[in-house]
Amino acid sequence: MKKNNAITVHIYYTGENGSAKAFVKEMLTSGLVDEIRKEKGNRRYEYFFSVEDEGTVLLVDSWDNQEAIDLHHSSNIMGQIMELRIKYHLHMKVERYFLDETGIPKEDQKFVQKKGLLRK
């Protein structure tokens, strides 16, 4: 059985005066997000806005393996992203996560609400 080396990266973009949200808007309207989603090995590329911190945006970025991330980092797209980060004066915090192939432990599954199985 082949081991799954999937990696998910959380990037927290923080800026002032709405700059993180403006960055995301430009990433979307420029077509960069669509290009990234088409890159070989990309599983997910999605932004989320913080309810508690309006100056922070979370990017959830998932890849098949480190090689796919390395290819992305060496692409022309990455250069454009770097330019936008500078343009919007963003600070970043990065977290990396690896796929847990064991799944959700049986004792934890009772806490997972699933569609169609709502408890009263």
C-alpha atoms as a PDB file:
ATOM      1  CA  MET A   1       0.000   0.000   0.000  1.00  0.00           C
ATOM      2  CA  LYS A   2       1.393   3.395  -1.003  1.00  0.00           C
ATOM      3  CA  LYS A   3       1.728   5.910   1.807  1.00  0.00           C
ATOM      4  CA  ASN A   4      -0.194   9.155   1.363  1.00  0.00           C
ATOM      5  CA  ASN A   5       2.125  12.127   1.869  1.00  0.00           C
ATOM      6  CA  ALA A   6      -0.540  14.829   1.535  1.00  0.00           C
ATOM      7  CA  ILE A   7       0.338  18.133   3.182  1.00  0.00           C
ATOM      8  CA  THR A   8      -2.029  20.910   4.199  1.00  0.00           C
ATOM      9  CA  VAL A   9      -0.606  24.357   4.835  1.00  0.00           C
ATOM     10  CA  HIS A  10      -2.458  27.044   6.796  1.00  0.00           C
ATOM     11  CA  ILE A  11      -1.224  30.522   5.990  1.00  0.00           C
ATOM     12  CA  TYR A  12      -2.563  33.340   8.160  1.00  0.00           C
ATOM     13  CA  TYR A  13      -2.227  36.625   6.268  1.00  0.00           C
ATOM     14  CA  THR A  14      -2.421  39.718   8.457  1.00  0.00           C
ATOM     15  CA  GLY A  15      -2.415  43.326   7.325  1.00  0.00           C
ATOM     16  CA  GLU A  16      -3.757  46.743   8.208  1.00  0.00           C
ATOM     17  CA  ASN A  17      -6.761  48.677   6.917  1.00  0.00           C
ATOM     18  CA  GLY A  18      -8.291  45.742   5.049  1.00  0.00           C
ATOM     19  CA  SER A  19      -5.135  44.897   3.122  1.00  0.00           C
ATOM     20  CA  ALA A  20      -5.434  41.124   3.686  1.00  0.00           C
ATOM     21  CA  LYS A  21      -8.947  41.098   2.219  1.00  0.00           C
ATOM     22  CA  ALA A  22      -7.807  43.300  -0.678  1.00  0.00           C
ATOM     23  CA  PHE A  23      -4.998  40.807  -1.336  1.00  0.00           C
ATOM     24  CA  VAL A  24      -7.493  37.936  -1.504  1.00  0.00           C
ATOM     25  CA  LYS A  25      -9.757  39.914  -3.815  1.00  0.00           C
ATOM     26  CA  GLU A  26      -6.866  40.565  -6.199  1.00  0.00           C
ATOM     27  CA  MET A  27      -5.769  36.915  -6.032  1.00  0.00           C
ATOM     28  CA  LEU A  28      -9.285  35.912  -7.092  1.00  0.00           C
ATOM     29  CA  THR A  29      -9.974  38.569  -9.723  1.00  0.00           C
ATOM     30  CA  SER A  30      -6.536  38.207 -11.340  1.00  0.00           C
ATOM     31  CA  GLY A  31      -7.148  34.518 -11.981  1.00  0.00           C
ATOM     32  CA  LEU A  32      -4.173  33.420  -9.864  1.00  0.00           C
ATOM     33  CA  VAL A  33      -6.355  31.293  -7.585  1.00  0.00           C
ATOM     34  CA  ASP A  34      -7.844  29.442 -10.565  1.00  0.00           C
ATOM     35  CA  GLU A  35      -4.341  28.836 -11.960  1.00  0.00           C
ATOM     36  CA  ILE A  36      -3.113  27.461  -8.625  1.00  0.00           C
ATOM     37  CA  ARG A  37      -6.099  25.125  -8.341  1.00  0.00           C
ATOM     38  CA  LYS A  38      -5.161  23.689 -11.768  1.00  0.00           C
ATOM     39  CA  GLU A  39      -1.542  23.013 -10.779  1.00  0.00           C
ATOM     40  CA  LYS A  40      -0.528  19.369 -10.622  1.00  0.00           C
ATOM     41  CA  GLY A  41      -0.815  18.087  -7.070  1.00  0.00           C
ATOM     42  CA  ASN A  42      -3.050  20.856  -5.716  1.00  0.00           C
ATOM     43  CA  ARG A  43      -5.941  19.459  -3.681  1.00  0.00           C
ATOM     44  CA  ARG A  44      -7.380  22.628  -2.184  1.00  0.00           C
ATOM     45  CA  TYR A  45      -6.768  26.360  -2.249  1.00  0.00           C
ATOM     46  CA  GLU A  46      -9.392  28.261  -0.277  1.00  0.00           C
ATOM     47  CA  TYR A  47      -9.508  31.479   1.753  1.00  0.00           C
ATOM     48  CA  PHE A  48     -11.434  32.045   4.995  1.00  0.00           C
ATOM     49  CA  PHE A  49     -12.106  35.300   6.834  1.00  0.00           C
ATOM     50  CA  SER A  50     -11.706  35.504  10.608  1.00  0.00           C
ATOM     51  CA  VAL A  51     -14.777  36.445  12.619  1.00  0.00           C
ATOM     52  CA  GLU A  52     -12.633  37.529  15.567  1.00  0.00           C
ATOM     53  CA  ASP A  53      -9.824  39.336  13.726  1.00  0.00           C
ATOM     54  CA  GLU A  54     -10.953  41.315  10.673  1.00  0.00           C
ATOM     55  CA  GLY A  55      -7.340  41.982   9.698  1.00  0.00           C
ATOM     56  CA  THR A  56      -6.527  38.291   9.234  1.00  0.00           C
ATOM     57  CA  VAL A  57      -7.340  35.908   6.392  1.00  0.00           C
ATOM     58  CA  LEU A  58      -6.654  32.164   6.487  1.00  0.00           C
ATOM     59  CA  LEU A  59      -5.543  30.280   3.381  1.00  0.00           C
ATOM     60  CA  VAL A  60      -6.031  26.505   3.480  1.00  0.00           C
ATOM     61  CA  ASP A  61      -3.667  25.139   0.852  1.00  0.00           C
ATOM     62  CA  SER A  62      -3.395  21.344   0.327  1.00  0.00           C
ATOM     63  CA  TRP A  63      -0.995  19.405  -1.884  1.00  0.00           C
ATOM     64  CA  ASP A  64      -0.379  15.744  -2.761  1.00  0.00           C
ATOM     65  CA  ASN A  65       3.198  15.850  -1.451  1.00  0.00           C
ATOM     66  CA  GLN A  66       6.257  18.024  -0.871  1.00  0.00           C
ATOM     67  CA  GLU A  67       7.305  17.674  -4.514  1.00  0.00           C
ATOM     68  CA  ALA A  68       4.045  19.346  -5.621  1.00  0.00           C
ATOM     69  CA  ILE A  69       4.681  22.198  -3.168  1.00  0.00           C
ATOM     70  CA  ASP A  70       8.245  22.565  -4.462  1.00  0.00           C
ATOM     71  CA  LEU A  71       6.976  22.807  -8.062  1.00  0.00           C
ATOM     72  CA  HIS A  72       4.448  25.427  -6.991  1.00  0.00           C
ATOM     73  CA  HIS A  73       7.138  27.405  -5.171  1.00  0.00           C
ATOM     74  CA  SER A  74       9.335  27.429  -8.284  1.00  0.00           C
ATOM     75  CA  SER A  75       6.495  28.524 -10.605  1.00  0.00           C
ATOM     76  CA  ASN A  76       5.878  31.956 -12.126  1.00  0.00           C
ATOM     77  CA  ILE A  77       2.630  32.028 -10.146  1.00  0.00           C
ATOM     78  CA  MET A  78       4.598  32.062  -6.886  1.00  0.00           C
ATOM     79  CA  GLY A  79       6.525  35.121  -8.052  1.00  0.00           C
ATOM     80  CA  GLN A  80       3.247  36.933  -8.678  1.00  0.00           C
ATOM     81  CA  ILE A  81       1.968  35.943  -5.227  1.00  0.00           C
ATOM     82  CA  MET A  82       5.160  37.278  -3.631  1.00  0.00           C
ATOM     83  CA  GLU A  83       4.699  40.609  -5.418  1.00  0.00           C
ATOM     84  CA  LEU A  84       1.123  40.879  -4.131  1.00  0.00           C
ATOM     85  CA  ARG A  85       2.208  40.062  -0.572  1.00  0.00           C
ATOM     86  CA  ILE A  86       4.673  42.953  -0.765  1.00  0.00           C
ATOM     87  CA  LYS A  87       2.126  45.264  -2.413  1.00  0.00           C
ATOM     88  CA  TYR A  88      -0.346  44.719   0.449  1.00  0.00           C
ATOM     89  CA  HIS A  89       2.298  44.755   3.243  1.00  0.00           C
ATOM     90  CA  LEU A  90       1.205  41.392   4.619  1.00  0.00           C
ATOM     91  CA  HIS A  91       2.680  39.452   7.526  1.00  0.00           C
ATOM     92  CA  MET A  92       2.323  35.687   7.598  1.00  0.00           C
ATOM     93  CA  LYS A  93       2.142  32.838  10.068  1.00  0.00           C
ATOM     94  CA  VAL A  94       2.460  29.361   8.531  1.00  0.00           C
ATOM     95  CA  GLU A  95       1.432  25.958   9.906  1.00  0.00           C
ATOM     96  CA  ARG A  96       1.924  22.606   8.149  1.00  0.00           C
ATOM     97  CA  TYR A  97      -0.203  19.507   8.711  1.00  0.00           C
ATOM     98  CA  PHE A  98       0.173  15.949   7.444  1.00  0.00           C
ATOM     99  CA  LEU A  99      -2.706  13.620   6.624  1.00  0.00           C
ATOM    100  CA  ASP A 100      -3.578  11.260   9.466  1.00  0.00           C
ATOM    101  CA  GLU A 101      -4.270   8.006   7.632  1.00  0.00           C
ATOM    102  CA  THR A 102      -5.778   6.419  10.730  1.00  0.00           C
ATOM    103  CA  GLY A 103      -8.877   8.608  10.426  1.00  0.00           C
ATOM    104  CA  ILE A 104     -11.102   9.820  13.230  1.00  0.00           C
ATOM    105  CA  PRO A 105     -10.865   7.531  16.278  1.00  0.00           C
ATOM    106  CA  LYS A 106     -14.056   5.604  16.999  1.00  0.00           C
ATOM    107  CA  GLU A 107     -14.452   7.256  20.415  1.00  0.00           C
ATOM    108  CA  ASP A 108     -14.323  10.708  18.765  1.00  0.00           C
ATOM    109  CA  GLN A 109     -16.815   9.932  15.985  1.00  0.00           C
ATOM    110  CA  LYS A 110     -19.798  10.418  18.319  1.00  0.00           C
ATOM    111  CA  PHE A 111     -18.935  14.139  18.430  1.00  0.00           C
ATOM    112  CA  VAL A 112     -19.054  14.544  14.635  1.00  0.00           C
ATOM    113  CA  GLN A 113     -22.387  15.894  13.402  1.00  0.00           C
ATOM    114  CA  LYS A 114     -23.248  14.396  10.013  1.00  0.00           C
ATOM    115  CA  LYS A 115     -25.871  15.513   7.545  1.00  0.00           C
ATOM    116  CA  GLY A 116     -29.138  13.644   8.029  1.00  0.00           C
ATOM    117  CA  LEU A 117     -28.144  12.414  11.482  1.00  0.00           C
ATOM    118  CA  LEU A 118     -29.124  15.400  13.595  1.00  0.00           C
ATOM    119  CA  ARG A 119     -29.690  14.557  17.234  1.00  0.00           C
ATOM    120  CA  LYS A 120     -32.445  16.105  19.313  1.00  0.00           C
END
